[in-house]
Amino acid sequence: MLKQLRLILFGLLAAAGLLAAQEANEIARTTAPAEADVYFLSPAQGMTVSSPITIRFGLRGMGVAPAGVELPNTGHHHLLIDVEEPPSFDLPLPATDSIRHFGLGQTEVELELPPGQHTLQLVLGDRLHIPHVPPVVSERITITVAQ
């Protein structure tokens, strides 16, 4: 429960910052080092897994910081599940069942996924959930969840 309250608080702080930036008619994009890389530690491309599945995120060239926290060369993870076309990287990533936010700085998650093939992709977002410039995006992997 405390973890959920913190996530809500960080989201509200990030939203307040975004509203202030929009009112000022400017949303400053956060830069990322050219060598920054986000990737999956597990599962690997093509794996067959059983649900629930533990997904572990990797990051090189940057650090992880919770949403709402402004530190140089940091961001937090967003997991895209079965998303064919990613949303605009010029705006905050929406929070949906297909776009999961890890605004507390989490680097792994245990998820229930239905049997069948699924695609997974990671996108690093700044304190306001906006992807960096250049975007720090993983390869999209395909996994199969066994029956």
Protein backbone atom coordinates (compact mmCIF):
# COMPACT_ATOMS: atom_id res chain seq x y z
CA MET A 1 0.00 0.00 0.00
CA LEU A 2 2.83 2.41 0.87
CA LYS A 3 4.51 1.63 -2.44
CA GLN A 4 1.29 2.48 -4.32
CA LEU A 5 0.92 5.75 -2.39
CA ARG A 6 4.50 6.70 -3.26
CA LEU A 7 3.84 5.94 -6.93
CA ILE A 8 0.76 8.16 -6.86
CA LEU A 9 2.69 10.94 -5.14
CA PHE A 10 5.54 10.79 -7.66
CA GLY A 11 3.00 10.82 -10.49
CA LEU A 12 1.27 13.88 -9.05
CA LEU A 13 4.59 15.68 -8.62
CA ALA A 14 5.56 14.85 -12.20
CA ALA A 15 2.15 15.99 -13.48
CA ALA A 16 2.44 19.26 -11.56
CA GLY A 17 5.82 19.90 -13.16
CA LEU A 18 4.42 19.11 -16.59
CA LEU A 19 1.46 21.45 -16.11
CA ALA A 20 3.79 24.24 -15.05
CA ALA A 21 5.93 23.65 -18.15
CA GLN A 22 2.86 23.60 -20.40
CA GLU A 23 1.59 26.85 -18.87
CA ALA A 24 4.96 28.38 -19.62
CA ASN A 25 4.42 27.01 -23.17
CA GLU A 26 7.62 25.03 -23.10
CA ILE A 27 8.46 21.46 -22.30
CA ALA A 28 12.20 21.12 -22.04
CA ARG A 29 13.35 17.76 -23.34
CA THR A 30 15.96 15.94 -21.27
CA THR A 31 19.08 14.86 -23.10
CA ALA A 32 20.61 11.39 -22.83
CA PRO A 33 24.23 10.43 -23.41
CA ALA A 34 24.78 8.98 -26.88
CA GLU A 35 26.07 5.71 -25.36
CA ALA A 36 22.99 5.18 -23.15
CA ASP A 37 21.36 1.79 -23.67
CA VAL A 38 18.31 0.11 -22.13
CA TYR A 39 17.80 -3.63 -22.57
CA PHE A 40 16.24 -6.77 -21.08
CA LEU A 41 18.30 -8.82 -18.65
CA SER A 42 15.51 -11.40 -18.84
CA PRO A 43 13.64 -12.84 -20.55
CA ALA A 44 15.64 -13.20 -23.75
CA GLN A 45 14.37 -12.85 -27.30
CA GLY A 46 12.41 -15.92 -28.37
CA MET A 47 12.11 -17.51 -24.93
CA THR A 48 9.13 -19.60 -23.90
CA VAL A 49 8.13 -18.76 -20.33
CA SER A 50 5.32 -19.49 -17.90
CA SER A 51 3.19 -16.87 -16.21
CA PRO A 52 3.78 -15.08 -13.91
CA ILE A 53 6.96 -13.93 -15.60
CA THR A 54 9.73 -11.90 -14.01
CA ILE A 55 11.01 -9.20 -16.33
CA ARG A 56 14.35 -7.60 -15.43
CA PHE A 57 15.48 -4.30 -16.94
CA GLY A 58 19.08 -3.34 -17.74
CA LEU A 59 20.54 0.13 -18.27
CA ARG A 60 24.02 1.32 -19.33
CA GLY A 61 25.38 4.84 -19.53
CA MET A 62 22.70 6.34 -17.26
CA GLY A 63 21.24 5.87 -13.80
CA VAL A 64 17.75 5.18 -12.51
CA ALA A 65 15.83 7.82 -10.54
CA PRO A 66 12.14 7.96 -9.57
CA ALA A 67 9.66 10.06 -11.55
CA GLY A 68 9.60 13.63 -10.34
CA VAL A 69 13.29 13.55 -9.39
CA GLU A 70 15.59 15.65 -11.56
CA LEU A 71 19.15 14.34 -11.60
CA PRO A 72 21.57 14.49 -14.55
CA ASN A 73 21.70 11.43 -16.81
CA THR A 74 18.87 9.57 -15.08
CA GLY A 75 15.41 8.31 -15.91
CA HIS A 76 12.93 5.59 -15.08
CA HIS A 77 11.63 2.59 -17.00
CA HIS A 78 8.44 2.17 -19.02
CA LEU A 79 7.50 -1.27 -20.34
CA LEU A 80 5.55 -1.50 -23.59
CA ILE A 81 3.58 -4.75 -23.84
CA ASP A 82 2.23 -5.75 -27.27
CA VAL A 83 2.53 -2.18 -28.56
CA GLU A 84 2.96 -2.11 -32.34
CA GLU A 85 3.58 1.63 -32.72
CA PRO A 86 5.04 3.48 -29.74
CA PRO A 87 3.31 6.72 -28.73
CA SER A 88 4.84 10.12 -29.44
CA PHE A 89 8.19 10.60 -27.74
CA ASP A 90 7.55 14.37 -27.56
CA LEU A 91 4.97 13.98 -24.78
CA PRO A 92 4.73 12.08 -21.50
CA LEU A 93 4.13 8.38 -22.07
CA PRO A 94 0.54 7.50 -21.19
CA ALA A 95 -0.11 4.99 -18.39
CA THR A 96 -2.17 2.11 -19.81
CA ASP A 97 -2.36 -1.66 -19.50
CA SER A 98 0.06 -1.78 -22.45
CA ILE A 99 2.41 0.96 -21.24
CA ARG A 100 3.49 0.27 -17.68
CA HIS A 101 5.27 2.96 -15.65
CA PHE A 102 7.95 2.18 -13.09
CA GLY A 103 8.12 5.65 -11.56
CA LEU A 104 9.58 4.50 -8.25
CA GLY A 105 12.76 3.48 -10.03
CA GLN A 106 11.96 -0.24 -10.18
CA THR A 107 14.24 -2.39 -12.33
CA GLU A 108 12.09 -5.52 -12.49
CA VAL A 109 8.47 -6.62 -12.39
CA GLU A 110 6.51 -9.84 -12.07
CA LEU A 111 3.61 -9.90 -14.54
CA GLU A 112 0.74 -12.20 -15.38
CA LEU A 113 0.51 -12.52 -19.15
CA PRO A 114 -2.00 -14.69 -21.00
CA PRO A 115 -0.73 -17.66 -23.03
CA GLY A 116 0.55 -16.84 -26.50
CA GLN A 117 3.11 -14.58 -28.14
CA HIS A 118 3.85 -11.17 -26.68
CA THR A 119 6.20 -8.32 -27.57
CA LEU A 120 8.08 -6.36 -24.94
CA GLN A 121 10.02 -3.11 -25.28
CA LEU A 122 11.58 -0.70 -22.78
CA VAL A 123 11.59 3.10 -23.01
CA LEU A 124 13.42 5.28 -20.50
CA GLY A 125 11.53 8.40 -19.45
CA ASP A 126 12.68 11.52 -17.64
CA ARG A 127 11.19 12.92 -14.43
CA LEU A 128 8.01 13.85 -16.36
CA HIS A 129 7.71 10.47 -18.19
CA ILE A 130 8.94 12.04 -21.44
CA PRO A 131 11.48 10.01 -23.44
CA HIS A 132 14.95 11.53 -23.65
CA VAL A 133 16.70 13.07 -26.66
CA PRO A 134 17.88 10.87 -28.24
CA PRO A 135 15.30 8.31 -27.05
CA VAL A 136 16.70 5.48 -24.93
CA VAL A 137 14.71 2.54 -26.27
CA SER A 138 15.39 -1.20 -26.22
CA GLU A 139 14.99 -3.62 -29.06
CA ARG A 140 11.50 -5.08 -29.12
CA ILE A 141 11.62 -8.74 -28.13
CA THR A 142 9.06 -11.47 -28.67
CA ILE A 143 8.37 -14.12 -26.03
CA THR A 144 5.88 -16.95 -25.82
CA VAL A 145 3.90 -17.61 -22.66
CA ALA A 146 3.16 -21.33 -22.38
CA GLN A 147 -0.30 -22.62 -21.55
